[in-house]
Amino acid sequence: MSEDILAALAGLAGGVLLGLAARLGRFCTLGAIEDALYGKEWLRMRMWAFAIAISIASTFLLAHLGLIALDQTIYLTQSWNPLACIVGGLMFGYGMAMAGSCGFGALARLGGGDMRYFVLSLVIAISAAMAVGGPTAYLRVFLFPTEVSEASSTGIAHALAQRLELSELTIALIIAGAIGLFAVSNKEFRQSPKAIIASLAVAVAILLGWVATSYLFEESFEEVAVASHSFTVPVGDTLMYLMTASGGGLSFAVGSVIGVLSGAFLGSLIKGHFRWEACDDPRELRRQILGGFLMGTGGVIALGCTIGQGISAFSTLAISAPVVMLSIIAGAAIGLRQLVVGFQFAFWKQSS
């Protein structure tokens, strides 16, 4: 099999795990934020933390063994732009709240038969493609230029290793341990096999992506990018592949997107939740189109989404990951507040 097919199969396998985690384990970023802000429930946030902790520890361990070409990942080879991370993250988070889901969540819901998220996925795909090489790309490049960099200036573990005279693996394990402790310190999380298994499935999917593409990067005569899962630009790549398959384009990203759809479909059948749904509210459709555009554009600016930056980039301990994720959470909090209670200033309340 060609390298493209092997990469796509690796993406497919990891995507299926992610789709199953979403449908069977309720692994969802927006849901975790909503639970924490309005339900005072932190289980799904701890699931996210546990997946990050396992991803960091396993990624750096395998990189130490030479099985992952960590320094070849996009998150450590492009200079990080704080403004782009913040602006892109805020756009993505606010758009996620408006649309009711992120790119990954949209694919998971589409796999369960909800056609509302077919529209959202299309808007994310088109707007991401526009921001990469279309009309909005000119503005993005002008406002947020990127340059080639070294891991020592874009990676947390790499930078700390030089200053503290410790190995990158040691620093990564310490950070992973601290994040993991936040997750397992909660009794509800420890007593939930479903939450633990879903978190582990997500971490395995991320790890599989790094290992498979690193192997192909080292062994292939063709250029294969070292990558793991993300769902902004890859959704657009998948749309282009479906339109022009005869011209090539099969990749890890395409396999990943198709894998999430397949895993979500399988998970919805297992749970008995598959049913066709459609949007019957024009206001909801308007919010989804706006949210999809903001997510597609913001995800390109920030170099990733809730999975791309939130777990894949986090597993490499890229400096951009926590900045983007905090910005996404802030943007989502603003959007959720607007949807739940609206925006009212104190003087307006007093005068009314």
Protein backbone atom coordinates (compact mmCIF):
# COMPACT_ATOMS: atom_id res chain seq x y z
CA MET A 1 0.00 0.00 0.00
CA SER A 2 1.12 3.56 -0.66
CA GLU A 3 2.13 5.90 2.13
CA ASP A 4 -1.04 7.93 1.63
CA ILE A 5 -3.24 4.87 2.16
CA LEU A 6 -1.27 3.80 5.26
CA ALA A 7 -1.54 7.30 6.72
CA ALA A 8 -5.27 7.38 5.98
CA LEU A 9 -5.77 3.99 7.65
CA ALA A 10 -3.96 5.23 10.76
CA GLY A 11 -6.18 8.31 10.79
CA LEU A 12 -9.23 6.12 10.28
CA ALA A 13 -8.35 3.89 13.26
CA GLY A 14 -7.77 6.83 15.57
CA GLY A 15 -10.85 8.62 14.29
CA VAL A 16 -13.03 5.61 15.08
CA LEU A 17 -11.74 5.68 18.68
CA LEU A 18 -12.54 9.39 18.92
CA GLY A 19 -16.01 8.91 17.49
CA LEU A 20 -16.74 6.11 19.96
CA ALA A 21 -15.42 8.21 22.85
CA ALA A 22 -17.77 11.03 21.86
CA ARG A 23 -20.89 8.88 21.48
CA LEU A 24 -20.32 6.29 24.24
CA GLY A 25 -18.27 8.36 26.70
CA ARG A 26 -19.82 11.80 26.09
CA PHE A 27 -16.37 13.26 25.46
CA CYS A 28 -17.18 16.83 24.41
CA THR A 29 -15.41 20.15 24.95
CA LEU A 30 -18.44 22.43 24.87
CA GLY A 31 -20.32 20.03 27.10
CA ALA A 32 -17.46 20.05 29.60
CA ILE A 33 -17.42 23.87 29.64
CA GLU A 34 -21.21 24.07 30.05
CA ASP A 35 -21.13 21.51 32.87
CA ALA A 36 -18.43 23.44 34.73
CA LEU A 37 -19.94 26.91 34.26
CA TYR A 38 -23.64 26.23 34.75
CA GLY A 39 -23.92 22.79 36.32
CA LYS A 40 -20.93 22.99 38.67
CA GLU A 41 -20.12 19.53 37.35
CA TRP A 42 -16.45 18.85 36.53
CA LEU A 43 -16.49 15.20 35.45
CA ARG A 44 -16.11 15.87 31.72
CA MET A 45 -13.46 18.52 32.36
CA ARG A 46 -11.52 15.93 34.36
CA MET A 47 -11.92 13.50 31.47
CA TRP A 48 -10.29 16.09 29.24
CA ALA A 49 -7.46 16.59 31.73
CA PHE A 50 -6.85 12.85 32.05
CA ALA A 51 -6.69 12.45 28.25
CA ILE A 52 -4.17 15.30 28.08
CA ALA A 53 -2.05 13.82 30.89
CA ILE A 54 -1.87 10.38 29.28
CA SER A 55 -1.17 11.93 25.87
CA ILE A 56 1.73 14.02 27.19
CA ALA A 57 3.36 11.17 29.12
CA SER A 58 3.03 8.60 26.32
CA THR A 59 4.06 11.01 23.55
CA PHE A 60 7.28 12.08 25.27
CA LEU A 61 8.07 8.52 26.34
CA LEU A 62 7.80 7.23 22.78
CA ALA A 63 9.67 10.28 21.48
CA HIS A 64 12.46 9.43 23.95
CA LEU A 65 12.51 5.90 22.48
CA GLY A 66 12.78 7.34 18.96
CA LEU A 67 9.29 6.30 17.83
CA ILE A 68 7.85 9.82 17.45
CA ALA A 69 9.55 12.63 15.50
CA LEU A 70 8.38 15.25 17.97
CA ASP A 71 10.49 18.06 16.55
CA GLN A 72 8.79 17.67 13.16
CA THR A 73 5.26 18.48 14.35
CA ILE A 74 3.66 21.68 13.13
CA TYR A 75 3.18 22.86 16.71
CA LEU A 76 6.94 22.86 17.36
CA THR A 77 8.25 23.92 13.96
CA GLN A 78 6.25 27.14 13.51
CA SER A 79 6.88 30.19 15.63
CA TRP A 80 4.02 30.79 18.00
CA ASN A 81 2.17 34.06 17.78
CA PRO A 82 0.46 34.99 21.08
CA LEU A 83 -1.96 37.37 19.40
CA ALA A 84 -2.97 34.74 16.83
CA CYS A 85 -3.47 32.16 19.58
CA ILE A 86 -5.69 34.50 21.61
CA VAL A 87 -7.71 35.96 18.72
CA GLY A 88 -8.10 32.62 16.96
CA GLY A 89 -9.02 30.88 20.21
CA LEU A 90 -11.62 33.51 21.13
CA MET A 91 -13.14 33.29 17.65
CA PHE A 92 -13.26 29.52 17.80
CA GLY A 93 -14.72 29.40 21.32
CA TYR A 94 -17.41 31.98 20.62
CA GLY A 95 -18.29 30.27 17.35
CA MET A 96 -18.46 26.92 19.15
CA ALA A 97 -20.99 28.33 21.62
CA MET A 98 -23.08 29.89 18.85
CA ALA A 99 -23.11 26.69 16.80
CA GLY A 100 -23.61 24.36 19.75
CA SER A 101 -20.58 22.23 18.95
CA CYS A 102 -16.96 22.28 17.75
CA GLY A 103 -15.74 20.65 14.54
CA PHE A 104 -15.11 17.33 16.27
CA GLY A 105 -18.47 17.43 18.03
CA ALA A 106 -20.23 18.28 14.77
CA LEU A 107 -18.80 15.16 13.11
CA ALA A 108 -19.77 13.05 16.14
CA ARG A 109 -23.35 14.34 16.02
CA LEU A 110 -23.53 13.98 12.26
CA GLY A 111 -22.52 10.34 12.68
CA GLY A 112 -25.57 9.95 14.91
CA GLY A 113 -27.90 11.19 12.17
CA ASP A 114 -28.20 14.87 13.12
CA MET A 115 -28.18 16.64 9.76
CA ARG A 116 -28.00 20.07 11.42
CA TYR A 117 -24.32 19.39 11.88
CA PHE A 118 -23.87 18.50 8.23
CA VAL A 119 -24.43 22.17 7.48
CA LEU A 120 -22.06 23.18 10.27
CA SER A 121 -19.35 20.82 8.99
CA LEU A 122 -19.67 22.25 5.49
CA VAL A 123 -19.34 25.82 6.76
CA ILE A 124 -16.28 24.91 8.85
CA ALA A 125 -14.72 23.16 5.84
CA ILE A 126 -15.29 26.06 3.45
CA SER A 127 -14.28 28.82 5.86
CA ALA A 128 -11.11 26.92 6.87
CA ALA A 129 -10.17 26.49 3.20
CA MET A 130 -10.81 30.21 2.65
CA ALA A 131 -8.49 31.06 5.55
CA VAL A 132 -5.74 28.73 4.31
CA GLY A 133 -5.62 29.71 0.65
CA GLY A 134 -8.73 31.70 -0.18
CA PRO A 135 -9.89 35.31 0.17
CA THR A 136 -9.52 35.54 3.95
CA ALA A 137 -6.01 34.07 3.80
CA TYR A 138 -4.54 37.42 2.69
CA LEU A 139 -5.85 39.14 5.82
CA ARG A 140 -4.75 36.25 8.04
CA VAL A 141 -1.19 36.26 6.71
CA PHE A 142 -1.00 40.06 7.00
CA LEU A 143 -2.26 40.16 10.59
CA PHE A 144 -0.76 36.92 11.90
CA PRO A 145 2.45 36.03 10.02
CA THR A 146 4.16 32.74 10.88
CA GLU A 147 7.80 31.72 10.59
CA VAL A 148 9.76 28.50 10.88
CA SER A 149 11.08 28.05 14.38
CA GLU A 150 12.80 25.52 16.63
CA ALA A 151 11.24 23.40 19.36
CA SER A 152 13.38 25.10 22.00
CA SER A 153 11.42 28.34 21.47
CA THR A 154 7.93 26.88 20.98
CA GLY A 155 7.91 23.88 23.34
CA ILE A 156 7.41 24.10 27.10
CA ALA A 157 9.44 20.98 27.87
CA HIS A 158 12.21 21.95 25.45
CA ALA A 159 12.54 25.43 26.93
CA LEU A 160 12.47 24.26 30.55
CA ALA A 161 14.96 21.48 29.84
CA GLN A 162 17.58 24.06 28.85
CA ARG A 163 17.01 26.19 31.94
CA LEU A 164 16.55 23.52 34.60
CA GLU A 165 19.11 21.04 33.24
CA LEU A 166 16.54 18.26 33.29
CA SER A 167 15.56 15.98 30.43
CA GLU A 168 12.51 16.82 28.33
CA LEU A 169 11.01 13.47 29.34
CA THR A 170 11.36 14.25 33.04
CA ILE A 171 9.70 17.63 32.66
CA ALA A 172 6.91 16.16 30.54
CA LEU A 173 6.23 13.44 33.11
CA ILE A 174 6.10 16.00 35.93
CA ILE A 175 3.61 18.16 34.01
CA ALA A 176 1.56 15.12 32.98
CA GLY A 177 1.52 13.93 36.58
CA ALA A 178 0.23 17.26 37.85
CA ILE A 179 -2.55 17.36 35.24
CA GLY A 180 -3.41 13.72 35.83
CA LEU A 181 -3.61 14.32 39.58
CA PHE A 182 -6.30 16.95 38.98
CA ALA A 183 -8.34 14.29 37.17
CA VAL A 184 -7.91 11.31 39.48
CA SER A 185 -8.27 13.34 42.68
CA ASN A 186 -12.01 13.39 42.03
CA LYS A 187 -13.93 10.39 43.43
CA GLU A 188 -16.64 10.59 40.78
CA PHE A 189 -14.06 10.31 38.01
CA ARG A 190 -12.23 7.42 39.70
CA GLN A 191 -15.50 5.52 40.05
CA SER A 192 -16.57 6.03 36.44
CA PRO A 193 -15.09 3.33 34.15
CA LYS A 194 -16.87 4.91 31.18
CA ALA A 195 -15.14 8.25 31.75
CA ILE A 196 -11.72 6.64 32.22
CA ILE A 197 -12.04 4.41 29.15
CA ALA A 198 -13.24 7.28 26.96
CA SER A 199 -10.30 9.44 28.09
CA LEU A 200 -7.85 6.61 27.40
CA ALA A 201 -9.38 6.05 23.95
CA VAL A 202 -8.80 9.69 23.07
CA ALA A 203 -5.19 9.53 24.27
CA VAL A 204 -4.56 6.32 22.29
CA ALA A 205 -6.00 7.95 19.15
CA ILE A 206 -3.63 10.92 19.50
CA LEU A 207 -0.66 8.65 20.17
CA LEU A 208 -1.49 6.43 17.20
CA GLY A 209 -1.45 9.45 14.93
CA TRP A 210 2.00 10.57 16.09
CA VAL A 211 3.52 7.07 15.89
CA ALA A 212 2.10 6.17 12.48
CA THR A 213 2.96 9.44 10.74
CA SER A 214 6.41 9.54 12.39
CA TYR A 215 7.14 6.06 11.01
CA LEU A 216 6.01 7.10 7.53
CA PHE A 217 8.02 10.33 7.82
CA GLU A 218 11.18 8.35 8.56
CA GLU A 219 10.65 5.46 6.14
CA SER A 220 8.89 7.01 3.18
CA PHE A 221 10.58 8.46 0.14
CA GLU A 222 7.62 10.80 -0.20
CA GLU A 223 6.93 13.78 2.03
CA VAL A 224 4.63 12.73 4.87
CA ALA A 225 3.79 15.25 7.58
CA VAL A 226 4.10 14.21 11.22
CA ALA A 227 0.56 14.85 12.45
CA SER A 228 -2.22 13.80 14.75
CA HIS A 229 -5.91 14.60 14.96
CA SER A 230 -7.43 18.04 14.40
CA PHE A 231 -10.79 19.02 12.95
CA THR A 232 -10.65 22.39 11.26
CA VAL A 233 -8.51 22.27 8.11
CA PRO A 234 -8.87 18.45 7.87
CA VAL A 235 -12.63 18.83 7.45
CA GLY A 236 -11.93 21.01 4.41
CA ASP A 237 -9.32 18.53 3.16
CA THR A 238 -11.88 15.75 3.38
CA LEU A 239 -14.43 17.77 1.43
CA MET A 240 -11.84 18.40 -1.31
CA TYR A 241 -10.94 14.70 -1.39
CA LEU A 242 -14.57 13.71 -1.79
CA MET A 243 -14.86 16.17 -4.68
CA THR A 244 -11.57 15.35 -6.43
CA ALA A 245 -10.55 11.84 -5.30
CA SER A 246 -9.14 11.00 -8.72
CA GLY A 247 -6.62 13.80 -8.27
CA GLY A 248 -5.25 12.43 -4.99
CA GLY A 249 -5.54 13.98 -1.59
CA LEU A 250 -5.92 10.87 0.57
CA SER A 251 -4.15 11.56 3.86
CA PHE A 252 -4.13 11.03 7.61
CA ALA A 253 -6.49 13.99 7.98
CA VAL A 254 -9.05 12.53 5.57
CA GLY A 255 -8.92 9.16 7.29
CA SER A 256 -9.34 10.88 10.66
CA VAL A 257 -12.52 12.72 9.67
CA ILE A 258 -14.06 9.64 8.07
CA GLY A 259 -13.05 7.63 11.13
CA VAL A 260 -14.87 9.96 13.53
CA LEU A 261 -18.02 9.75 11.41
CA SER A 262 -17.75 5.94 11.35
CA GLY A 263 -17.03 5.63 15.07
CA ALA A 264 -19.86 7.99 15.96
CA PHE A 265 -22.25 6.06 13.72
CA LEU A 266 -21.23 2.78 15.35
CA GLY A 267 -21.50 4.30 18.83
CA SER A 268 -24.96 5.70 18.15
CA LEU A 269 -26.12 2.27 17.00
CA ILE A 270 -24.70 0.62 20.11
CA LYS A 271 -26.49 3.12 22.35
CA GLY A 272 -29.64 3.06 20.25
CA HIS A 273 -29.42 6.82 19.76
CA PHE A 274 -29.23 7.01 15.96
CA ARG A 275 -32.04 9.08 14.54
CA TRP A 276 -32.43 11.56 11.71
CA GLU A 277 -32.78 15.15 12.83
CA ALA A 278 -32.97 18.46 10.98
CA CYS A 279 -32.94 22.13 11.82
CA ASP A 280 -36.44 23.60 12.09
CA ASP A 281 -35.48 26.98 13.55
CA PRO A 282 -34.06 29.64 11.19
CA ARG A 283 -32.38 31.39 14.14
CA GLU A 284 -30.55 28.19 15.05
CA LEU A 285 -29.40 27.77 11.45
CA ARG A 286 -28.15 31.35 11.41
CA ARG A 287 -26.15 30.77 14.59
CA GLN A 288 -24.64 27.60 13.15
CA ILE A 289 -23.53 29.32 9.96
CA LEU A 290 -22.00 32.20 11.92
CA GLY A 291 -20.40 29.81 14.41
CA GLY A 292 -19.04 27.58 11.67
CA PHE A 293 -17.41 30.52 9.90
CA LEU A 294 -15.81 31.74 13.13
CA MET A 295 -14.55 28.25 13.99
CA GLY A 296 -13.16 27.56 10.54
CA THR A 297 -11.36 30.91 10.40
CA GLY A 298 -10.34 30.99 14.06
CA GLY A 299 -9.08 27.42 13.96
CA VAL A 300 -6.72 28.24 11.10
CA ILE A 301 -5.47 31.39 12.85
CA ALA A 302 -4.86 29.47 16.10
CA LEU A 303 -3.37 26.43 14.29
CA GLY A 304 -5.93 24.06 15.73
CA CYS A 305 -9.22 23.38 17.45
CA THR A 306 -10.34 21.80 20.71
CA ILE A 307 -8.70 18.54 19.62
CA GLY A 308 -5.86 19.96 17.51
CA GLN A 309 -4.59 22.42 20.10
CA GLY A 310 -6.49 21.02 23.07
CA ILE A 311 -4.97 17.53 22.96
CA SER A 312 -2.65 16.99 19.96
CA ALA A 313 -0.63 20.17 20.54
CA PHE A 314 -0.90 19.71 24.31
CA SER A 315 0.67 16.26 23.96
CA THR A 316 3.77 17.93 22.49
CA LEU A 317 3.70 20.57 25.25
CA ALA A 318 3.61 23.34 22.68
CA ILE A 319 3.45 26.80 24.27
CA SER A 320 0.48 27.62 22.06
CA ALA A 321 -1.72 24.82 23.47
CA PRO A 322 -2.66 26.25 26.90
CA VAL A 323 -2.98 29.77 25.48
CA VAL A 324 -5.35 28.65 22.72
CA MET A 325 -7.39 26.44 25.04
CA LEU A 326 -7.83 29.18 27.65
CA SER A 327 -8.90 31.52 24.84
CA ILE A 328 -11.37 28.95 23.50
CA ILE A 329 -12.85 28.49 26.97
CA ALA A 330 -13.12 32.28 27.40
CA GLY A 331 -14.77 32.68 23.99
CA ALA A 332 -17.18 29.84 24.73
CA ALA A 333 -18.04 31.37 28.12
CA ILE A 334 -18.89 34.68 26.44
CA GLY A 335 -21.03 32.97 23.82
CA LEU A 336 -22.83 30.78 26.34
CA ARG A 337 -23.60 33.77 28.53
CA GLN A 338 -25.07 35.58 25.54
CA LEU A 339 -27.27 32.59 24.74
CA VAL A 340 -28.34 31.88 28.32
CA VAL A 341 -28.86 35.30 29.90
CA GLY A 342 -27.95 37.83 27.22
CA PHE A 343 -25.79 40.89 27.74
CA GLN A 344 -27.18 43.58 30.02
CA PHE A 345 -25.15 46.37 31.55
CA ALA A 346 -25.70 47.44 35.15
CA PHE A 347 -26.90 50.95 34.25
CA TRP A 348 -29.42 49.49 31.81
CA LYS A 349 -30.84 47.23 34.54
CA GLN A 350 -31.13 50.17 36.94
CA SER A 351 -32.84 52.42 34.43
CA SER A 352 -35.30 49.71 33.46
